[in-house]
C-alpha atoms as a PDB file:
ATOM      1  CA  MET A   1      -2.880  31.270  36.678  1.00  0.00           C
ATOM      2  CA  TYR A   2      -3.368  30.029  33.532  1.00  0.00           C
ATOM      3  CA  LYS A   3      -1.632  30.204  29.953  1.00  0.00           C
ATOM      4  CA  ILE A   4      -3.747  28.702  27.141  1.00  0.00           C
ATOM      5  CA  ARG A   5      -2.736  28.477  23.459  1.00  0.00           C
ATOM      6  CA  VAL A   6      -5.967  29.098  21.246  1.00  0.00           C
ATOM      7  CA  ILE A   7      -5.443  28.047  17.270  1.00  0.00           C
ATOM      8  CA  LEU A   8      -7.721  28.952  14.467  1.00  0.00           C
ATOM      9  CA  ASP A   9      -8.334  25.313  12.344  1.00  0.00           C
ATOM     10  CA  THR A  10      -6.947  27.022   9.369  1.00  0.00           C
ATOM     11  CA  LYS A  11      -4.019  26.728   6.770  1.00  0.00           C
ATOM     12  CA  GLU A  12      -2.247  29.715   8.042  1.00  0.00           C
ATOM     13  CA  ASP A  13      -0.827  30.255  11.812  1.00  0.00           C
ATOM     14  CA  ILE A  14      -3.913  31.746  13.381  1.00  0.00           C
ATOM     15  CA  ILE A  15      -2.926  31.719  17.140  1.00  0.00           C
ATOM     16  CA  ARG A  16      -3.688  33.536  20.619  1.00  0.00           C
ATOM     17  CA  THR A  17      -2.433  32.919  23.998  1.00  0.00           C
ATOM     18  CA  ILE A  18      -4.526  33.684  26.215  1.00  0.00           C
ATOM     19  CA  LEU A  19      -3.773  34.447  30.456  1.00  0.00           C
ATOM     20  CA  VAL A  20      -6.556  33.487  32.733  1.00  0.00           C
ATOM     21  CA  ASP A  21      -7.290  32.703  36.570  1.00  0.00           C
ATOM     22  CA  ASP A  22      -8.071  29.387  37.533  1.00  0.00           C
ATOM     23  CA  HIS A  23     -11.310  30.358  38.933  1.00  0.00           C
ATOM     24  CA  LEU A  24     -12.982  31.792  35.708  1.00  0.00           C
ATOM     25  CA  ASN A  25     -15.449  29.375  34.164  1.00  0.00           C
ATOM     26  CA  LEU A  26     -15.766  28.718  30.578  1.00  0.00           C
ATOM     27  CA  GLU A  27     -18.669  31.268  29.495  1.00  0.00           C
ATOM     28  CA  THR A  28     -15.877  33.676  30.677  1.00  0.00           C
ATOM     29  CA  LEU A  29     -13.228  31.723  28.307  1.00  0.00           C
ATOM     30  CA  HIS A  30     -15.672  31.864  25.698  1.00  0.00           C
ATOM     31  CA  PHE A  31     -16.121  35.660  25.722  1.00  0.00           C
ATOM     32  CA  THR A  32     -11.901  36.031  26.230  1.00  0.00           C
ATOM     33  CA  ILE A  33     -11.375  33.968  23.026  1.00  0.00           C
ATOM     34  CA  ALA A  34     -14.193  35.450  20.923  1.00  0.00           C
ATOM     35  CA  LYS A  35     -12.710  38.878  21.701  1.00  0.00           C
ATOM     36  CA  SER A  36      -9.129  37.618  21.272  1.00  0.00           C
ATOM     37  CA  PHE A  37     -10.525  37.167  17.549  1.00  0.00           C
ATOM     38  CA  ASP A  38     -12.037  39.751  17.252  1.00  0.00           C
ATOM     39  CA  PHE A  39     -15.726  38.566  17.602  1.00  0.00           C
ATOM     40  CA  GLY A  40     -18.412  39.975  19.311  1.00  0.00           C
ATOM     41  CA  GLY A  41     -18.992  36.532  21.483  1.00  0.00           C
ATOM     42  CA  SER A  42     -23.143  37.010  20.313  1.00  0.00           C
ATOM     43  CA  GLU A  43     -23.051  33.971  18.888  1.00  0.00           C
ATOM     44  CA  MET A  44     -23.685  29.983  20.088  1.00  0.00           C
ATOM     45  CA  ALA A  45     -20.857  28.313  20.870  1.00  0.00           C
ATOM     46  CA  SER A  46     -19.674  25.082  22.299  1.00  0.00           C
ATOM     47  CA  PHE A  47     -16.484  23.694  24.136  1.00  0.00           C
ATOM     48  CA  TYR A  48     -15.692  19.725  23.820  1.00  0.00           C
ATOM     49  CA  ARG A  49     -13.592  17.959  25.455  1.00  0.00           C
ATOM     50  CA  THR A  50     -10.934  15.805  23.710  1.00  0.00           C
ATOM     51  CA  ASP A  51      -8.430  13.371  24.182  1.00  0.00           C
ATOM     52  CA  ASP A  52      -4.417  13.824  23.219  1.00  0.00           C
ATOM     53  CA  GLU A  53      -5.158  13.476  19.630  1.00  0.00           C
ATOM     54  CA  TRP A  54      -8.135  15.917  19.696  1.00  0.00           C
ATOM     55  CA  ASN A  55     -10.635  13.382  19.333  1.00  0.00           C
ATOM     56  CA  GLU A  56     -13.924  15.071  19.939  1.00  0.00           C
ATOM     57  CA  GLY A  57     -15.748  14.217  23.123  1.00  0.00           C
ATOM     58  CA  GLU A  58     -18.658  15.486  25.654  1.00  0.00           C
ATOM     59  CA  GLU A  59     -19.837  18.604  24.750  1.00  0.00           C
ATOM     60  CA  ILE A  60     -20.154  21.707  27.313  1.00  0.00           C
ATOM     61  CA  PRO A  61     -22.390  24.155  25.472  1.00  0.00           C
ATOM     62  CA  LEU A  62     -22.700  27.741  26.240  1.00  0.00           C
ATOM     63  CA  PHE A  63     -26.558  27.916  27.775  1.00  0.00           C
ATOM     64  CA  ASN A  64     -28.078  24.590  30.076  1.00  0.00           C
ATOM     65  CA  MET A  65     -29.654  22.571  27.336  1.00  0.00           C
ATOM     66  CA  SER A  66     -30.912  19.632  29.603  1.00  0.00           C
ATOM     67  CA  GLU A  67     -34.908  19.447  30.263  1.00  0.00           C
ATOM     68  CA  ALA A  68     -34.171  19.106  33.800  1.00  0.00           C
ATOM     69  CA  GLY A  69     -32.041  21.964  33.870  1.00  0.00           C
ATOM     70  CA  GLU A  70     -29.191  20.299  35.659  1.00  0.00           C
ATOM     71  CA  GLY A  71     -26.743  19.520  32.830  1.00  0.00           C
ATOM     72  CA  ILE A  72     -23.237  20.724  31.954  1.00  0.00           C
ATOM     73  CA  TYR A  73     -22.905  24.130  30.032  1.00  0.00           C
ATOM     74  CA  MET A  74     -20.158  27.243  30.324  1.00  0.00           C
ATOM     75  CA  LYS A  75     -21.228  28.986  33.234  1.00  0.00           C
ATOM     76  CA  ASN A  76     -21.255  25.898  35.322  1.00  0.00           C
ATOM     77  CA  CYS A  77     -17.596  24.427  34.176  1.00  0.00           C
ATOM     78  CA  PHE A  78     -14.864  25.828  35.623  1.00  0.00           C
ATOM     79  CA  ILE A  79     -11.207  26.617  34.302  1.00  0.00           C
ATOM     80  CA  LYS A  80      -9.527  24.745  37.011  1.00  0.00           C
ATOM     81  CA  ASN A  81     -12.229  21.486  36.665  1.00  0.00           C
ATOM     82  CA  THR A  82     -12.217  20.922  33.385  1.00  0.00           C
ATOM     83  CA  ILE A  83      -9.109  21.436  32.143  1.00  0.00           C
ATOM     84  CA  PRO A  84      -6.513  21.440  35.138  1.00  0.00           C
ATOM     85  CA  THR A  85      -3.422  20.734  34.387  1.00  0.00           C
ATOM     86  CA  SER A  86      -0.953  21.216  31.235  1.00  0.00           C
ATOM     87  CA  GLY A  87      -1.603  19.721  28.260  1.00  0.00           C
ATOM     88  CA  ASP A  88      -5.073  19.632  28.680  1.00  0.00           C
ATOM     89  CA  LYS A  89      -7.013  20.094  25.711  1.00  0.00           C
ATOM     90  CA  LEU A  90     -10.433  21.305  24.345  1.00  0.00           C
ATOM     91  CA  ILE A  91     -12.160  22.165  21.020  1.00  0.00           C
ATOM     92  CA  TYR A  92     -13.771  25.461  20.990  1.00  0.00           C
ATOM     93  CA  VAL A  93     -16.515  26.125  18.126  1.00  0.00           C
ATOM     94  CA  TYR A  94     -18.072  29.228  17.588  1.00  0.00           C
ATOM     95  CA  ASP A  95     -21.035  30.318  15.719  1.00  0.00           C
ATOM     96  CA  PHE A  96     -22.720  27.243  14.589  1.00  0.00           C
ATOM     97  CA  LEU A  97     -23.960  28.440  11.146  1.00  0.00           C
ATOM     98  CA  LYS A  98     -20.121  29.727  10.192  1.00  0.00           C
ATOM     99  CA  MET A  99     -18.634  26.779  11.959  1.00  0.00           C
ATOM    100  CA  TRP A 100     -15.314  28.647  13.570  1.00  0.00           C
ATOM    101  CA  THR A 101     -13.024  26.094  14.868  1.00  0.00           C
ATOM    102  CA  PHE A 102     -10.346  26.612  17.491  1.00  0.00           C
ATOM    103  CA  TYR A 103      -8.093  24.038  19.716  1.00  0.00           C
ATOM    104  CA  VAL A 104      -7.280  25.175  23.059  1.00  0.00           C
ATOM    105  CA  GLU A 105      -4.489  23.687  25.177  1.00  0.00           C
ATOM    106  CA  VAL A 106      -3.338  24.740  28.436  1.00  0.00           C
ATOM    107  CA  ILE A 107       0.191  25.397  28.362  1.00  0.00           C
ATOM    108  CA  GLU A 108       1.164  26.570  31.790  1.00  0.00           C
ATOM    109  CA  VAL A 109      -0.090  26.118  34.721  1.00  0.00           C
ATOM    110  CA  SER A 110       1.105  28.369  37.937  1.00  0.00           C
ATOM    111  CA  ALA A 111       0.547  29.205  41.209  1.00  0.00           C
ATOM    112  CA  GLY A 112       1.067  32.886  40.465  1.00  0.00           C
ATOM    113  CA  THR A 113      -1.153  35.734  40.262  1.00  0.00           C
ATOM    114  CA  GLN A 114      -1.597  39.240  37.700  1.00  0.00           C
ATOM    115  CA  ASP A 115      -3.809  41.664  37.546  1.00  0.00           C
ATOM    116  CA  ASN A 116      -6.265  42.534  34.840  1.00  0.00           C
ATOM    117  CA  LEU A 117      -7.122  39.042  33.642  1.00  0.00           C
ATOM    118  CA  PRO A 118      -7.862  37.767  31.247  1.00  0.00           C
ATOM    119  CA  LYS A 119      -5.774  38.752  28.692  1.00  0.00           C
ATOM    120  CA  THR A 120      -4.131  38.338  25.630  1.00  0.00           C
ATOM    121  CA  ILE A 121      -0.348  37.869  25.847  1.00  0.00           C
ATOM    122  CA  LEU A 122       0.475  36.908  22.160  1.00  0.00           C
ATOM    123  CA  SER A 123      -1.403  37.511  19.118  1.00  0.00           C
ATOM    124  CA  VAL A 124      -0.473  35.662  15.684  1.00  0.00           C
ATOM    125  CA  GLY A 125      -1.862  36.339  12.107  1.00  0.00           C
ATOM    126  CA  GLN A 126      -5.135  37.583  11.092  1.00  0.00           C
ATOM    127  CA  ILE A 127      -8.563  36.067  11.174  1.00  0.00           C
ATOM    128  CA  PRO A 128      -9.783  35.546   7.495  1.00  0.00           C
ATOM    129  CA  THR A 129     -13.014  37.624   6.465  1.00  0.00           C
ATOM    130  CA  GLU A 130     -15.060  33.673   6.230  1.00  0.00           C
ATOM    131  CA  ALA A 131     -14.700  30.955   8.111  1.00  0.00           C
ATOM    132  CA  PRO A 132     -12.727  27.897   6.559  1.00  0.00           C
ATOM    133  CA  GLU A 133     -14.926  25.478   4.944  1.00  0.00           C
ATOM    134  CA  LYS A 134     -15.346  21.891   6.935  1.00  0.00           C
ATOM    135  CA  GLU A 135     -15.233  18.536   4.932  1.00  0.00           C
ATOM    136  CA  PHE A 136     -17.154  15.891   6.854  1.00  0.00           C
ATOM    137  CA  ILE A 137     -16.641  12.737   5.439  1.00  0.00           C
ATOM    138  CA  ALA A 138     -18.886  10.142   6.747  1.00  0.00           C
ATOM    139  CA  LYS A 139     -18.242   6.317   5.940  1.00  0.00           C
ATOM    140  CA  GLN A 140     -20.580   4.824   3.441  1.00  0.00           C
ATOM    141  CA  SER A 141     -21.001   1.268   4.520  1.00  0.00           C
ATOM    142  CA  ASN A 142     -23.501  -1.163   4.611  1.00  0.00           C
ATOM    143  CA  GLU A 143     -21.580  -3.717   6.537  1.00  0.00           C
ATOM    144  CA  ASP A 144     -22.747  -2.759   9.386  1.00  0.00           C
ATOM    145  CA  PHE A 145     -26.248  -3.636   8.687  1.00  0.00           C
ATOM    146  CA  GLU A 146     -25.362  -6.727   7.154  1.00  0.00           C
ATOM    147  CA  ASP A 147     -23.533  -7.778  10.210  1.00  0.00           C
ATOM    148  CA  ASP A 148     -27.280  -7.145  12.058  1.00  0.00           C
ATOM    149  CA  TYR A 149     -29.446  -8.099   9.980  1.00  0.00           C
ATOM    150  CA  GLY A 150     -27.978 -10.471   7.386  1.00  0.00           C
ATOM    151  CA  SER A 151     -26.978  -9.835   3.689  1.00  0.00           C
ATOM    152  CA  ASP A 152     -30.373  -9.728   2.365  1.00  0.00           C
ATOM    153  CA  PHE A 153     -31.103  -6.563   4.687  1.00  0.00           C
ATOM    154  CA  ASN A 154     -32.388  -4.134   1.756  1.00  0.00           C
ATOM    155  CA  ASP A 155     -34.698  -6.905   0.383  1.00  0.00           C
ATOM    156  CA  ASN A 156     -36.988  -7.003   3.232  1.00  0.00           C
ATOM    157  CA  PHE A 157     -38.273  -3.943   2.521  1.00  0.00           C
ATOM    158  CA  GLU A 158     -41.027  -2.728  -0.314  1.00  0.00           C
ATOM    159  CA  SER A 159     -40.058  -0.514  -3.095  1.00  0.00           C
ATOM    160  CA  LEU A 160     -41.899   3.154  -1.958  1.00  0.00           C
ATOM    161  CA  ASP A 161     -43.437   3.073  -5.671  1.00  0.00           C
ATOM    162  CA  ASP A 162     -45.360  -0.040  -4.698  1.00  0.00           C
ATOM    163  CA  VAL A 163     -46.965   1.894  -1.839  1.00  0.00           C
ATOM    164  CA  ASP A 164     -50.578   2.395  -2.274  1.00  0.00           C
ATOM    165  CA  PHE A 165     -50.775   5.878   0.332  1.00  0.00           C
ATOM    166  CA  ASP A 166     -54.646   6.396  -0.609  1.00  0.00           C
ATOM    167  CA  GLN A 167     -55.024   3.117   1.349  1.00  0.00           C
ATOM    168  CA  TYR A 168     -53.826   4.637   4.537  1.00  0.00           C
END
């Protein structure tokens, strides 16, 4: 049995603690998290593997997105294999238009069992009516290009204003 803490990425403390069986797949965890935060569970979602500092890694999507049909997705990833020990973490993103972002962490693993799992055992805070805005900041640097292509990288290209497109 796993005790999992789920924290919504907001300024306010909005936390759910959920008990689940170790044989559950991530699709069931997705629906459990969505329900515990009063979402319908009908929007697209993904889990992302993380390191100890919550740096986002491999995506585990809700549906199989592989062209060959053999990729990983929530239904074929099980809790006991994906987050097997206390302290293991995932990032969960629900509704890609609104980007509800959650931090998911295993806080306890035990051999015990309970009936009626999964279930929410702790609920702190109310979900806001709108998802918090995310700020994405990208480095703006030409240094990477200059290292690879030399300092005159931008000088090697013509201005689009000087190109006669009727010619082609």
